[in-house]
Amino acid sequence: MPVSDVSRSPETWVLCIYDLTPRARFDHAVRTRLDEVFDYGRFQGHVDASARLLPQVADHQDLPPGALDAAGDQLAGFRIGEVTALLLVTPRGDPLLVLEVELPGEPDAAEVAGFLAATCFERELLTVSGQPLLAWLGDRLGLAAPLQFGRNVHQCVFPGGHLREELLRADAAPGPGDQLPPAVTTIVYRATVSADRGSQLGVRTPRALNNPGETLVAHGRGVSLIAGWSEQVENVLALAATTIVAAMGVLHRTRDLAFDALELNQSTQLVSTGDARELVSRLSSRLNELQLDLSFGVEAYVDSVLIPELVVEGFQSSMRMAADLDTGLTNTSRMVDRLAAVIRARAAVLDAATQDEHERRNRVFNVVLAVGSLIALPPSLLLAFFGVTSPDVDQARSVLDLDRYWFAYGLAWLPFAGLLLAGFLLRRRIRRDSRLVQADGQVGDPTVDPAGEQAVDPAGGLVVPAPRTAAALGRQPSATRREVP
């Protein structure tokens, strides 16, 4: 027989999910899979198939009752049982801290809401055995740079005992419209708003997960209340919430890095093409990382492909809407695309500048080569002459004696002079042809092309339509048209 997805737990548990910074690889940590810590039951096949994209456990520590506390009195008066601390790392190296906390002794909705508020708004003050939580975690892993809490937190509440029965009974009781039990609103909003006003206050209740009197799922942006479901369903919904927190953290970091790239593009002073090439290389490298982050850190977690189950899809879709993740992903992707367009434009300008530099270098080389060839022409001819006619060369006379060797010198310099004369004549011809073209185009006023279609502004180089006069159209003005003075 199939295992029921409905269950009754005697204890109340809270799962706190925090995104951390900075990103790290944690290569020294021995990673284990999530299914070695959590039981996913009938969802295990989907977890196995998606294991390469899901976060992995880099550190796992069970803490005794009372080990988790706060530097102030934020947790004073709360009964805290066993705690399991997990450091998760995504394939892109984004760290997540997960605290699974037992709240023994039948806490009510107000106590649970107070614990949620203390572990969310004052999370920097959390300690383990008197040591700051993240410092304790860094010491365990031997990290050089300390970890810090990010901006994203989500807390899953799994009520048990009397609290669960109270929530399910109140949810099954008939009420006006979509009004939720006050205890639900108190927990979801961490007791920050009045829960007895009869308003749902935007709390979401996915239809596929709510069966009045038996199961209840209600959540906002930061808290999910999951009651009546079995442990395997609770674990897979917690996994979905974990991926949403990871995606939101990557989205925030991607925007920050995109703005950093924008500032780098604006503030870098370019002196040479080498500087421009280095800038394009740095921007392209950052762009590649941003695109990989969006693909494997956000897009991979925002649909139901990882765990294609109705209960997971309904919860994940509702979570995305509460966090407005789809809109954030669209806008961030557009920002990255525009940054890519800027980089492509810079690369095009760099290519043009590099090509122009190569052409100028080639022109200089060709000119030097041509001048050197011209200069070497007369001596070469003279050396050839004296080499061929060496028997006729008078040993008593110098080769510089123009009275005797004027014919040789004239013959040697004649091709050189001919090349200079030909170049001068070609230059004059090019200039004369240019003047003829300008005369035909009627330079002086805006230039009219032969068809009389366009006029070119000599100052700005803009092409504007020219008046189509009768002369331009090849016909005489009509004699019947009167001239208007």
Protein backbone atom coordinates (compact mmCIF):
# COMPACT_ATOMS: atom_id res chain seq x y z
CA MET A 1 0.00 0.00 0.00
CA PRO A 2 1.24 3.53 -0.71
CA VAL A 3 2.54 5.56 2.20
CA SER A 4 0.17 8.37 3.19
CA ASP A 5 1.38 11.94 2.78
CA VAL A 6 -0.64 12.95 5.86
CA SER A 7 0.88 12.58 9.31
CA ARG A 8 0.65 13.85 12.87
CA SER A 9 3.85 14.99 14.58
CA PRO A 10 3.94 15.41 18.37
CA GLU A 11 6.64 18.11 18.34
CA THR A 12 6.91 21.56 16.76
CA TRP A 13 9.94 22.14 14.55
CA VAL A 14 11.25 25.29 12.89
CA LEU A 15 13.61 25.23 9.91
CA CYS A 16 15.54 28.50 9.48
CA ILE A 17 17.22 29.00 6.08
CA TYR A 18 19.78 31.82 5.73
CA ASP A 19 21.81 32.77 2.69
CA LEU A 20 25.43 33.61 3.48
CA THR A 21 28.23 35.59 1.87
CA PRO A 22 30.81 35.51 0.38
CA ARG A 23 30.74 32.76 -2.19
CA ALA A 24 33.33 30.05 -1.58
CA ARG A 25 34.19 26.61 -2.92
CA PHE A 26 34.74 24.82 0.43
CA ASP A 27 37.01 22.31 -1.33
CA HIS A 28 38.43 21.13 2.00
CA ALA A 29 34.98 20.17 3.31
CA VAL A 30 33.69 16.64 2.80
CA ARG A 31 30.38 17.09 1.02
CA THR A 32 27.45 14.77 1.47
CA ARG A 33 24.11 14.62 -0.27
CA LEU A 34 20.93 16.00 1.22
CA ASP A 35 19.24 12.60 1.23
CA GLU A 36 21.84 11.40 3.75
CA VAL A 37 20.40 13.90 6.23
CA PHE A 38 16.72 14.18 5.23
CA ASP A 39 14.25 11.45 4.32
CA TYR A 40 12.52 12.22 1.02
CA GLY A 41 10.55 8.99 0.73
CA ARG A 42 8.74 8.69 -2.59
CA PHE A 43 10.47 11.87 -3.83
CA GLN A 44 13.90 10.25 -3.56
CA GLY A 45 14.05 9.42 -7.27
CA HIS A 46 13.62 13.07 -8.24
CA VAL A 47 16.23 14.13 -5.70
CA ASP A 48 18.69 11.57 -7.10
CA ALA A 49 18.08 12.71 -10.68
CA SER A 50 18.66 16.37 -9.77
CA ALA A 51 21.50 15.82 -7.29
CA ARG A 52 24.07 17.63 -9.47
CA LEU A 53 22.02 20.85 -9.40
CA LEU A 54 20.91 20.73 -5.77
CA PRO A 55 22.89 22.08 -2.81
CA GLN A 56 25.15 19.67 -0.95
CA VAL A 57 25.95 19.41 2.74
CA ALA A 58 29.42 20.80 3.53
CA ASP A 59 29.05 20.56 7.33
CA HIS A 60 26.59 18.80 9.62
CA GLN A 61 26.51 19.21 13.38
CA ASP A 62 23.95 18.14 15.98
CA LEU A 63 23.76 20.53 18.94
CA PRO A 64 22.41 19.60 22.38
CA PRO A 65 19.46 21.45 23.96
CA GLY A 66 20.42 24.92 25.12
CA ALA A 67 23.48 25.24 22.84
CA LEU A 68 21.73 27.72 20.55
CA ASP A 69 21.32 31.10 22.23
CA ALA A 70 21.67 34.81 21.53
CA ALA A 71 24.14 37.45 22.72
CA GLY A 72 21.27 39.50 24.20
CA ASP A 73 18.01 38.38 25.73
CA GLN A 74 16.28 37.78 22.39
CA LEU A 75 15.88 34.05 23.04
CA ALA A 76 15.31 34.35 26.78
CA GLY A 77 12.16 32.53 27.81
CA PHE A 78 12.05 30.25 24.74
CA ARG A 79 12.43 26.54 25.28
CA ILE A 80 14.86 25.31 22.64
CA GLY A 81 15.49 21.61 22.25
CA GLU A 82 17.82 19.80 19.88
CA VAL A 83 19.30 21.77 17.00
CA THR A 84 20.81 20.49 13.76
CA ALA A 85 23.11 22.96 11.98
CA LEU A 86 23.79 22.38 8.29
CA LEU A 87 26.02 24.32 5.92
CA LEU A 88 24.80 23.81 2.36
CA VAL A 89 26.75 24.79 -0.75
CA THR A 90 25.22 25.15 -4.22
CA PRO A 91 27.09 24.02 -7.36
CA ARG A 92 28.04 27.70 -7.93
CA GLY A 93 29.57 27.92 -4.45
CA ASP A 94 26.80 29.88 -2.70
CA PRO A 95 26.65 28.97 1.02
CA LEU A 96 23.40 28.49 2.95
CA LEU A 97 22.96 27.96 6.67
CA VAL A 98 20.07 25.73 7.77
CA LEU A 99 19.07 25.42 11.42
CA GLU A 100 16.55 22.72 12.31
CA VAL A 101 15.30 23.69 15.76
CA GLU A 102 12.97 21.74 18.04
CA LEU A 103 10.54 23.77 20.17
CA PRO A 104 9.39 21.39 22.93
CA GLY A 105 6.65 21.90 25.48
CA GLU A 106 3.62 22.72 23.31
CA PRO A 107 4.39 26.33 22.30
CA ASP A 108 1.48 28.46 21.12
CA ALA A 109 1.33 30.67 18.02
CA ALA A 110 2.62 33.75 19.86
CA GLU A 111 5.67 31.88 21.19
CA VAL A 112 6.48 30.48 17.75
CA ALA A 113 6.09 33.93 16.19
CA GLY A 114 8.41 35.42 18.80
CA PHE A 115 11.06 32.78 18.12
CA LEU A 116 10.77 33.44 14.37
CA ALA A 117 11.22 37.18 14.88
CA ALA A 118 14.25 36.72 17.14
CA THR A 119 16.03 34.32 14.78
CA CYS A 120 15.27 36.50 11.75
CA PHE A 121 15.62 40.15 12.71
CA GLU A 122 18.39 39.54 15.27
CA ARG A 123 20.15 36.67 13.54
CA GLU A 124 23.58 38.35 13.83
CA LEU A 125 23.31 37.90 17.62
CA LEU A 126 22.82 34.11 17.52
CA THR A 127 25.47 32.14 19.37
CA VAL A 128 26.50 28.51 19.82
CA SER A 129 27.86 27.73 23.29
CA GLY A 130 28.59 31.42 23.81
CA GLN A 131 30.44 31.90 20.49
CA PRO A 132 28.90 33.88 17.59
CA LEU A 133 27.16 31.45 15.28
CA LEU A 134 29.07 32.29 12.09
CA ALA A 135 32.40 32.51 13.93
CA TRP A 136 31.72 29.04 15.35
CA LEU A 137 30.92 27.79 11.85
CA GLY A 138 34.05 29.39 10.37
CA ASP A 139 36.25 27.80 13.03
CA ARG A 140 34.78 24.38 12.28
CA LEU A 141 35.56 24.77 8.59
CA GLY A 142 38.87 26.59 9.00
CA LEU A 143 37.80 29.49 6.78
CA ALA A 144 40.22 32.35 6.16
CA ALA A 145 37.46 34.88 5.46
CA PRO A 146 34.53 35.01 7.91
CA LEU A 147 31.04 34.26 6.65
CA GLN A 148 28.31 36.88 6.93
CA PHE A 149 24.52 36.73 6.82
CA GLY A 150 22.96 37.73 3.53
CA ARG A 151 19.70 39.53 2.90
CA ASN A 152 17.44 36.51 2.44
CA VAL A 153 15.81 34.42 5.17
CA HIS A 154 12.99 31.90 5.03
CA GLN A 155 11.61 29.98 7.99
CA CYS A 156 9.46 26.87 7.74
CA VAL A 157 7.25 26.04 10.73
CA PHE A 158 6.06 22.45 11.20
CA PRO A 159 3.60 22.64 14.12
CA GLY A 160 2.90 19.60 16.24
CA GLY A 161 0.73 18.59 19.15
CA HIS A 162 -1.95 21.02 20.31
CA LEU A 163 -0.75 23.84 18.02
CA ARG A 164 -1.23 21.69 14.92
CA GLU A 165 -4.71 20.58 16.01
CA GLU A 166 -5.69 24.16 16.82
CA LEU A 167 -4.56 25.39 13.39
CA LEU A 168 -6.30 22.59 11.46
CA ARG A 169 -9.51 22.92 13.47
CA ALA A 170 -9.63 26.69 13.00
CA ASP A 171 -8.89 26.33 9.29
CA ALA A 172 -11.72 23.79 8.85
CA ALA A 173 -14.25 25.95 10.71
CA PRO A 174 -16.53 27.95 8.40
CA GLY A 175 -15.65 31.61 8.20
CA PRO A 176 -16.43 34.66 6.08
CA GLY A 177 -14.73 34.62 2.70
CA ASP A 178 -11.05 33.72 2.64
CA GLN A 179 -10.39 34.77 6.20
CA LEU A 180 -7.55 32.84 7.83
CA PRO A 181 -7.33 31.84 11.49
CA PRO A 182 -5.57 34.57 13.51
CA ALA A 183 -2.92 32.07 14.61
CA VAL A 184 -1.89 31.52 10.97
CA THR A 185 -1.44 35.24 10.32
CA THR A 186 0.43 35.65 13.61
CA ILE A 187 2.98 32.99 12.67
CA VAL A 188 3.39 33.98 9.01
CA TYR A 189 3.93 37.65 9.89
CA ARG A 190 6.06 36.86 12.99
CA ALA A 191 3.53 38.77 15.15
CA THR A 192 4.40 42.08 13.48
CA VAL A 193 0.76 42.88 12.52
CA SER A 194 -2.61 42.50 14.20
CA ALA A 195 -4.04 39.13 13.27
CA ASP A 196 -7.65 39.63 14.43
CA ARG A 197 -8.80 42.18 11.84
CA GLY A 198 -10.40 39.63 9.53
CA SER A 199 -7.99 40.27 6.65
CA GLN A 200 -5.83 37.69 4.93
CA LEU A 201 -3.05 40.30 4.55
CA GLY A 202 -1.65 38.70 1.42
CA VAL A 203 -0.93 35.33 3.05
CA ARG A 204 -0.86 32.69 0.30
CA THR A 205 -2.54 29.30 0.62
CA PRO A 206 -1.73 27.03 -2.36
CA ARG A 207 -4.84 25.04 -3.26
CA ALA A 208 -2.99 21.82 -4.01
CA LEU A 209 -1.61 21.73 -0.46
CA ASN A 210 -4.67 22.69 1.60
CA ASN A 211 -7.28 20.13 2.61
CA PRO A 212 -9.37 21.75 5.40
CA GLY A 213 -9.16 19.84 8.64
CA GLU A 214 -6.34 17.59 7.41
CA THR A 215 -3.50 19.63 5.87
CA LEU A 216 -2.62 23.31 5.86
CA VAL A 217 0.05 25.29 4.02
CA ALA A 218 0.16 29.07 4.32
CA HIS A 219 3.13 31.28 3.61
CA GLY A 220 4.33 34.78 2.95
CA ARG A 221 7.67 36.00 1.70
CA GLY A 222 9.66 34.95 4.76
CA VAL A 223 7.66 32.29 6.65
CA SER A 224 5.91 29.08 5.61
CA LEU A 225 3.47 27.27 7.89
CA ILE A 226 3.16 23.58 6.98
CA ALA A 227 0.79 21.48 9.09
CA GLY A 228 -0.59 17.96 8.76
CA TRP A 229 1.81 16.72 6.08
CA SER A 230 4.15 13.77 6.51
CA GLU A 231 7.87 14.14 7.15
CA GLN A 232 8.82 13.33 3.55
CA VAL A 233 6.50 16.05 2.20
CA GLU A 234 7.79 18.51 4.80
CA ASN A 235 11.37 17.75 3.76
CA VAL A 236 10.75 18.19 0.05
CA LEU A 237 8.86 21.45 0.63
CA ALA A 238 11.76 22.64 2.79
CA LEU A 239 14.09 21.76 -0.10
CA ALA A 240 11.97 23.86 -2.45
CA ALA A 241 12.15 26.78 -0.01
CA THR A 242 15.93 26.33 0.22
CA THR A 243 16.35 26.60 -3.55
CA ILE A 244 14.21 29.77 -3.60
CA VAL A 245 16.41 31.36 -0.92
CA ALA A 246 19.53 30.36 -2.87
CA ALA A 247 18.07 31.81 -6.09
CA MET A 248 17.21 35.11 -4.40
CA GLY A 249 20.73 35.37 -2.99
CA VAL A 250 22.25 34.77 -6.43
CA LEU A 251 19.88 37.33 -7.94
CA HIS A 252 20.98 40.01 -5.46
CA ARG A 253 24.65 39.21 -5.98
CA THR A 254 24.24 39.28 -9.77
CA ARG A 255 22.76 42.76 -9.63
CA ASP A 256 25.56 43.99 -7.38
CA LEU A 257 28.19 42.54 -9.73
CA ALA A 258 26.44 44.03 -12.75
CA PHE A 259 26.61 47.48 -11.14
CA ASP A 260 30.28 46.88 -10.28
CA ALA A 261 30.95 46.09 -13.94
CA LEU A 262 29.10 49.25 -14.94
CA GLU A 263 31.24 51.35 -12.60
CA LEU A 264 34.39 49.67 -13.91
CA ASN A 265 33.35 50.49 -17.46
CA GLN A 266 32.70 54.14 -16.56
CA SER A 267 35.67 54.82 -14.28
CA THR A 268 38.52 53.13 -16.15
CA GLN A 269 40.83 55.61 -17.90
CA LEU A 270 41.96 54.25 -21.26
CA VAL A 271 45.31 55.48 -22.57
CA SER A 272 46.16 52.83 -25.13
CA THR A 273 44.58 49.96 -26.99
CA GLY A 274 46.25 47.67 -24.47
CA ASP A 275 44.23 49.29 -21.69
CA ALA A 276 41.05 48.93 -23.74
CA ARG A 277 41.83 45.29 -24.46
CA GLU A 278 42.39 44.59 -20.75
CA LEU A 279 39.10 46.33 -19.86
CA VAL A 280 37.14 44.32 -22.43
CA SER A 281 38.75 41.12 -21.14
CA ARG A 282 37.84 41.91 -17.52
CA LEU A 283 34.27 42.88 -18.42
CA SER A 284 33.83 39.77 -20.55
CA SER A 285 35.07 37.55 -17.73
CA ARG A 286 32.60 39.13 -15.30
CA LEU A 287 29.80 38.84 -17.84
CA ASN A 288 30.47 35.12 -18.26
CA GLU A 289 30.17 34.61 -14.50
CA LEU A 290 26.94 36.62 -14.36
CA GLN A 291 25.39 34.56 -17.13
CA LEU A 292 26.39 31.29 -15.46
CA ASP A 293 24.97 32.52 -12.15
CA LEU A 294 21.63 33.36 -13.76
CA SER A 295 21.46 30.01 -15.55
CA PHE A 296 22.59 27.60 -12.84
CA GLY A 297 21.92 29.67 -9.72
CA VAL A 298 18.46 31.06 -10.51
CA GLU A 299 16.82 29.62 -13.62
CA ALA A 300 17.60 26.06 -12.57
CA TYR A 301 15.54 26.55 -9.38
CA VAL A 302 12.49 28.49 -10.56
CA ASP A 303 10.50 25.73 -12.25
CA SER A 304 9.25 22.24 -11.45
CA VAL A 305 11.78 20.36 -13.57
CA LEU A 306 13.93 19.42 -10.57
CA ILE A 307 11.10 17.75 -8.64
CA PRO A 308 8.07 17.34 -10.94
CA GLU A 309 5.41 16.67 -8.30
CA LEU A 310 2.10 18.48 -7.86
CA VAL A 311 2.62 19.32 -4.19
CA VAL A 312 6.10 20.69 -4.87
CA GLU A 313 5.07 22.58 -7.99
CA GLY A 314 2.16 24.27 -6.22
CA PHE A 315 4.32 25.33 -3.28
CA GLN A 316 7.25 26.45 -5.45
CA SER A 317 5.03 28.45 -7.80
CA SER A 318 3.36 30.20 -4.88
CA MET A 319 6.75 30.94 -3.30
CA ARG A 320 8.03 32.46 -6.54
CA MET A 321 5.00 34.73 -6.72
CA ALA A 322 5.40 35.81 -3.09
CA ALA A 323 9.07 36.66 -3.64
CA ASP A 324 8.37 38.17 -7.10
CA LEU A 325 11.26 36.06 -8.30
CA ASP A 326 10.15 35.86 -11.94
CA THR A 327 10.03 39.65 -12.33
CA GLY A 328 13.37 40.03 -10.60
CA LEU A 329 14.91 37.41 -12.89
CA THR A 330 13.51 39.11 -16.00
CA ASN A 331 14.78 42.54 -15.01
CA THR A 332 18.19 41.24 -13.95
CA SER A 333 18.55 39.29 -17.20
CA ARG A 334 17.75 42.47 -19.11
CA MET A 335 20.43 44.34 -17.17
CA VAL A 336 22.98 41.64 -17.97
CA ASP A 337 21.96 41.70 -21.65
CA ARG A 338 22.51 45.46 -21.81
CA LEU A 339 25.87 45.07 -20.13
CA ALA A 340 26.72 42.48 -22.78
CA ALA A 341 25.71 44.97 -25.49
CA VAL A 342 28.04 47.59 -23.98
CA ILE A 343 30.89 45.09 -23.91
CA ARG A 344 30.24 44.15 -27.55
CA ALA A 345 30.27 47.83 -28.51
CA ARG A 346 33.57 48.34 -26.70
CA ALA A 347 34.99 45.26 -28.40
CA ALA A 348 33.90 46.60 -31.81
CA VAL A 349 35.57 49.96 -31.13
CA LEU A 350 38.68 48.13 -29.94
CA ASP A 351 38.74 46.01 -33.11
CA ALA A 352 38.42 49.12 -35.26
CA ALA A 353 41.19 50.89 -33.34
CA THR A 354 43.41 47.82 -33.54
CA GLN A 355 42.79 47.51 -37.28
CA ASP A 356 43.57 51.20 -37.77
CA GLU A 357 46.74 50.79 -35.73
CA HIS A 358 47.80 47.84 -37.88
CA GLU A 359 47.06 49.75 -41.06
CA ARG A 360 49.05 52.78 -39.92
CA ARG A 361 51.92 50.54 -38.89
CA ASN A 362 51.83 48.82 -42.27
CA ARG A 363 51.73 52.17 -44.07
CA VAL A 364 54.76 53.41 -42.15
CA PHE A 365 56.61 50.20 -42.92
CA ASN A 366 55.71 50.38 -46.60
CA VAL A 367 56.80 54.02 -46.81
CA VAL A 368 60.11 53.27 -45.10
CA LEU A 369 60.62 50.29 -47.39
CA ALA A 370 59.81 52.34 -50.48
CA VAL A 371 62.07 55.23 -49.46
CA GLY A 372 64.85 52.82 -48.64
CA SER A 373 64.43 51.13 -52.01
CA LEU A 374 64.54 54.47 -53.83
CA ILE A 375 67.61 55.60 -51.92
CA ALA A 376 69.33 52.29 -52.59
CA LEU A 377 68.57 52.38 -56.32
CA PRO A 378 71.34 54.76 -57.54
CA PRO A 379 74.15 53.17 -55.47
CA SER A 380 73.02 49.74 -56.63
CA LEU A 381 73.15 50.77 -60.26
CA LEU A 382 76.56 52.40 -59.78
CA LEU A 383 77.94 49.32 -58.06
CA ALA A 384 76.53 47.18 -60.83
CA PHE A 385 78.12 49.42 -63.46
CA PHE A 386 81.55 49.40 -61.83
CA GLY A 387 81.29 45.69 -61.23
CA VAL A 388 80.44 44.85 -64.82
CA THR A 389 82.96 47.30 -66.33
CA SER A 390 85.73 46.69 -63.82
CA PRO A 391 88.38 46.00 -66.55
CA ASP A 392 87.69 49.45 -68.03
CA VAL A 393 87.90 51.28 -64.71
CA ASP A 394 91.03 53.41 -64.48
CA GLN A 395 92.90 52.50 -61.32
CA ALA A 396 94.39 56.00 -61.18
CA ARG A 397 91.02 57.76 -61.08
CA SER A 398 88.45 57.86 -58.28
CA VAL A 399 84.96 56.47 -58.84
CA LEU A 400 83.71 59.89 -57.77
CA ASP A 401 85.34 61.56 -60.78
CA LEU A 402 82.28 62.94 -62.56
CA ASP A 403 84.31 64.14 -65.56
CA ARG A 404 85.13 60.56 -66.46
CA TYR A 405 82.09 58.67 -65.13
CA TRP A 406 79.31 61.22 -65.74
CA PHE A 407 77.51 58.82 -68.04
CA ALA A 408 77.37 56.13 -65.35
CA TYR A 409 76.13 58.57 -62.74
CA GLY A 410 73.53 59.95 -65.11
CA LEU A 411 72.37 56.45 -66.02
CA ALA A 412 72.12 55.52 -62.32
CA TRP A 413 70.16 58.61 -61.31
CA LEU A 414 67.88 58.61 -64.36
CA PRO A 415 65.43 55.92 -63.03
CA PHE A 416 65.35 57.63 -59.63
CA ALA A 417 64.53 60.99 -61.23
CA GLY A 418 61.98 59.30 -63.48
CA LEU A 419 60.17 57.78 -60.49
CA LEU A 420 60.09 61.14 -58.73
CA LEU A 421 58.76 62.87 -61.85
CA ALA A 422 56.09 60.18 -62.39
CA GLY A 423 54.94 60.47 -58.77
CA PHE A 424 54.78 64.27 -59.02
CA LEU A 425 52.74 64.10 -62.25
CA LEU A 426 50.35 61.50 -60.79
CA ARG A 427 49.85 63.66 -57.70
CA ARG A 428 49.06 66.72 -59.84
CA ARG A 429 46.65 64.64 -61.94
CA ILE A 430 44.83 63.38 -58.84
CA ARG A 431 44.49 66.94 -57.53
CA ARG A 432 43.27 68.17 -60.95
CA ASP A 433 40.68 65.36 -61.15
CA SER A 434 39.53 66.29 -57.65
CA ARG A 435 39.02 69.93 -58.69
CA LEU A 436 37.07 68.79 -61.76
CA VAL A 437 34.77 66.66 -59.63
CA GLN A 438 34.21 69.57 -57.26
CA ALA A 439 33.43 71.91 -60.16
CA ASP A 440 30.89 69.44 -61.58
CA GLY A 441 29.31 69.14 -58.13
CA GLN A 442 29.02 72.94 -57.74
CA VAL A 443 30.95 73.25 -54.52
CA GLY A 444 30.36 76.45 -52.63
CA ASP A 445 26.77 76.09 -51.52
CA PRO A 446 25.50 72.75 -50.28
CA THR A 447 26.69 70.22 -52.85
CA VAL A 448 24.05 68.87 -55.18
CA ASP A 449 24.59 65.41 -56.52
CA PRO A 450 24.25 64.79 -60.30
CA ALA A 451 20.69 63.54 -59.89
CA GLY A 452 19.69 66.61 -57.92
CA GLU A 453 18.31 64.37 -55.18
CA GLN A 454 20.40 65.29 -52.14
CA ALA A 455 22.43 68.15 -50.73
CA VAL A 456 25.47 67.64 -48.54
CA ASP A 457 26.19 70.09 -45.76
CA PRO A 458 29.98 70.64 -45.94
CA ALA A 459 30.17 71.57 -42.26
CA GLY A 460 28.31 68.67 -40.75
CA GLY A 461 28.41 66.08 -43.51
CA LEU A 462 24.63 65.59 -43.30
CA VAL A 463 22.74 64.47 -46.38
CA VAL A 464 19.50 66.42 -46.82
CA PRO A 465 16.99 66.43 -49.68
CA ALA A 466 17.77 69.00 -52.37
CA PRO A 467 15.03 70.98 -54.12
CA ARG A 468 13.90 69.27 -57.28
CA THR A 469 14.01 72.25 -59.65
CA ALA A 470 12.88 72.17 -63.21
CA ALA A 471 16.48 72.41 -64.39
CA ALA A 472 17.43 69.46 -62.23
CA LEU A 473 14.57 67.46 -63.70
CA GLY A 474 15.76 68.27 -67.23
CA ARG A 475 12.82 70.43 -68.34
CA GLN A 476 12.10 74.15 -68.64
CA PRO A 477 9.79 75.97 -66.26
CA SER A 478 6.20 76.10 -67.42
CA ALA A 479 5.38 79.33 -69.26
CA THR A 480 1.80 79.31 -67.99
CA ARG A 481 2.82 79.47 -64.30
CA ARG A 482 2.81 82.98 -62.93
CA GLU A 483 5.68 84.19 -60.83
CA VAL A 484 4.72 85.27 -57.39
CA PRO A 485 6.70 88.34 -56.36
